[in-house]
Protein backbone atom coordinates (compact mmCIF):
# COMPACT_ATOMS: atom_id res chain seq x y z
CA MET A 1 81.17 217.25 5.29
CA LYS A 2 79.27 214.64 6.35
CA ALA A 3 77.28 214.49 3.01
CA ILE A 4 80.48 213.98 1.18
CA LYS A 5 81.68 210.69 3.23
CA ILE A 6 78.17 209.37 2.49
CA PHE A 7 78.51 209.97 -0.89
CA TRP A 8 81.79 208.45 -1.60
CA VAL A 9 80.35 205.32 1.16
CA SER A 10 77.72 205.01 -1.28
CA CYS A 11 80.50 204.72 -3.90
CA LEU A 12 82.28 202.12 -2.67
CA ALA A 13 79.39 199.74 -1.87
CA VAL A 14 78.06 200.07 -5.57
CA LEU A 15 81.47 199.20 -6.75
CA PHE A 16 81.80 196.34 -4.24
CA THR A 17 78.39 194.75 -5.54
CA ILE A 18 79.49 195.43 -9.06
CA GLY A 19 82.85 193.73 -8.49
CA MET A 20 81.07 190.68 -6.39
CA ASN A 21 78.57 190.34 -9.41
CA ALA A 22 81.39 190.12 -12.01
CA CYS A 23 82.95 187.81 -10.24
CA SER A 24 80.49 185.38 -9.56
CA LYS A 25 78.73 185.10 -12.66
CA SER A 26 80.09 182.57 -15.79
CA ASN A 27 79.94 184.19 -19.67
CA ASP A 28 80.29 180.51 -21.05
CA ALA A 29 77.29 178.83 -20.65
CA ASN A 30 79.06 174.93 -20.93
CA PRO A 31 82.37 175.74 -18.95
CA THR A 32 85.09 173.22 -19.66
CA PRO A 33 86.56 171.59 -16.60
CA ALA A 34 90.37 173.34 -15.71
CA THR A 35 92.87 170.47 -16.49
CA THR A 36 93.96 168.40 -13.30
CA ASP A 37 97.29 167.07 -12.74
CA ASN A 38 97.16 163.84 -11.43
CA LEU A 39 100.51 162.02 -9.89
CA ALA A 40 101.66 158.62 -9.35
CA THR A 41 104.62 157.02 -8.36
CA ILE A 42 106.68 154.31 -9.47
CA GLN A 43 107.81 153.07 -6.07
CA GLY A 44 108.78 149.56 -4.68
CA MET A 45 108.51 148.13 -8.14
CA GLN A 46 104.77 149.21 -8.32
CA PHE A 47 103.07 152.13 -9.80
CA MET A 48 100.95 153.92 -7.12
CA PRO A 49 98.37 154.21 -7.29
CA ALA A 50 97.73 151.01 -9.57
CA THR A 51 94.58 152.38 -10.79
CA ILE A 52 94.13 155.89 -11.59
CA THR A 53 90.74 157.33 -12.18
CA VAL A 54 91.70 160.70 -14.30
CA LEU A 55 89.15 163.36 -15.62
CA LEU A 56 89.08 163.83 -19.76
CA GLY A 57 91.78 166.07 -20.72
CA SER A 58 93.50 166.25 -17.50
CA ARG A 59 97.53 165.18 -17.48
CA THR A 60 99.00 162.16 -15.37
CA THR A 61 102.65 162.26 -14.35
CA TRP A 62 105.00 159.70 -12.99
CA THR A 63 107.58 160.13 -11.03
CA ASN A 64 110.00 157.12 -10.46
CA MET A 65 111.04 157.57 -7.01
CA ASP A 66 113.14 153.99 -7.25
CA ALA A 67 117.21 153.64 -7.80
CA THR A 68 116.32 151.94 -11.11
CA ALA A 69 115.08 152.90 -14.36
CA HIS A 70 111.36 152.28 -15.48
CA THR A 71 108.86 153.07 -18.33
CA VAL A 72 104.99 153.88 -18.47
CA THR A 73 104.01 151.92 -21.81
CA SER A 74 100.49 151.25 -22.60
CA ASP A 75 99.24 147.65 -23.30
CA ASP A 76 98.39 148.74 -27.16
CA GLY A 77 101.89 150.02 -27.95
CA THR A 78 100.22 153.01 -29.54
CA SER A 79 98.47 155.54 -27.04
CA PHE A 80 101.55 156.69 -24.85
CA SER A 81 105.32 155.32 -23.90
CA SER A 82 107.36 157.14 -21.73
CA GLY A 83 110.88 155.30 -22.74
CA THR A 84 113.34 155.18 -20.21
CA ILE A 85 112.51 157.18 -17.09
CA SER A 86 115.89 157.38 -14.54
CA PRO A 87 115.24 157.74 -10.86
CA GLN A 88 114.00 160.97 -10.01
CA GLY A 89 112.28 161.10 -13.63
CA THR A 90 109.29 161.97 -14.72
CA PHE A 91 106.59 161.28 -17.53
CA SER A 92 103.56 162.96 -18.14
CA PHE A 93 100.41 161.90 -20.05
CA THR A 94 97.24 163.86 -21.09
CA ALA A 95 94.07 161.72 -21.48
CA THR A 96 92.14 162.57 -24.44
CA GLN A 97 90.03 160.00 -24.88
CA LEU A 98 87.30 158.47 -22.54
CA GLY A 99 87.84 154.63 -21.47
CA SER A 100 90.73 152.40 -19.55
CA TYR A 101 94.07 152.62 -20.60
CA HIS A 102 96.20 149.36 -19.45
CA TYR A 103 99.86 150.29 -18.71
CA HIS A 104 103.15 148.22 -17.99
CA CYS A 105 106.88 148.60 -17.36
CA SER A 106 108.44 147.33 -20.07
CA ILE A 107 111.42 146.61 -18.30
CA HIS A 108 109.65 145.47 -15.39
CA PRO A 109 106.52 143.50 -17.16
CA THR A 110 105.16 142.65 -13.86
CA GLU A 111 104.51 146.21 -13.02
CA GLN A 112 101.06 147.09 -14.60
CA GLY A 113 98.91 149.72 -13.98
CA ILE A 114 95.19 151.34 -15.23
CA VAL A 115 94.19 154.90 -16.23
CA GLN A 116 90.71 155.17 -16.42
CA VAL A 117 89.39 158.46 -17.88
CA VAL A 118 86.06 159.56 -17.10
CA THR A 119 83.97 162.78 -17.36
CA ARG A 120 82.85 164.14 -14.08
């Protein structure tokens, strides 16, 4: 009986070791960073934060916390444009190129912000 218990304990130890090794190793030599969600708000007639730094390939979501409509519109007019975001509405943009994206609210042009896209 004692030999059977030792056998099963040994089997469990081997399975545990195999499982731990499998979980700790990556099969990908160049793993892609996980997509990150970045949160920003429009509140008090301003973008918060005014400048947000995000990883390449990540998504930024703005939530309109004001009682009035806003937009999130790139200054270049082509990178992104939310259209009208109603109160409590959201808009998301996924960064696909490195660099700085300056943006504004087309309804309230004094509201301005920057998305800085970087790699690690």
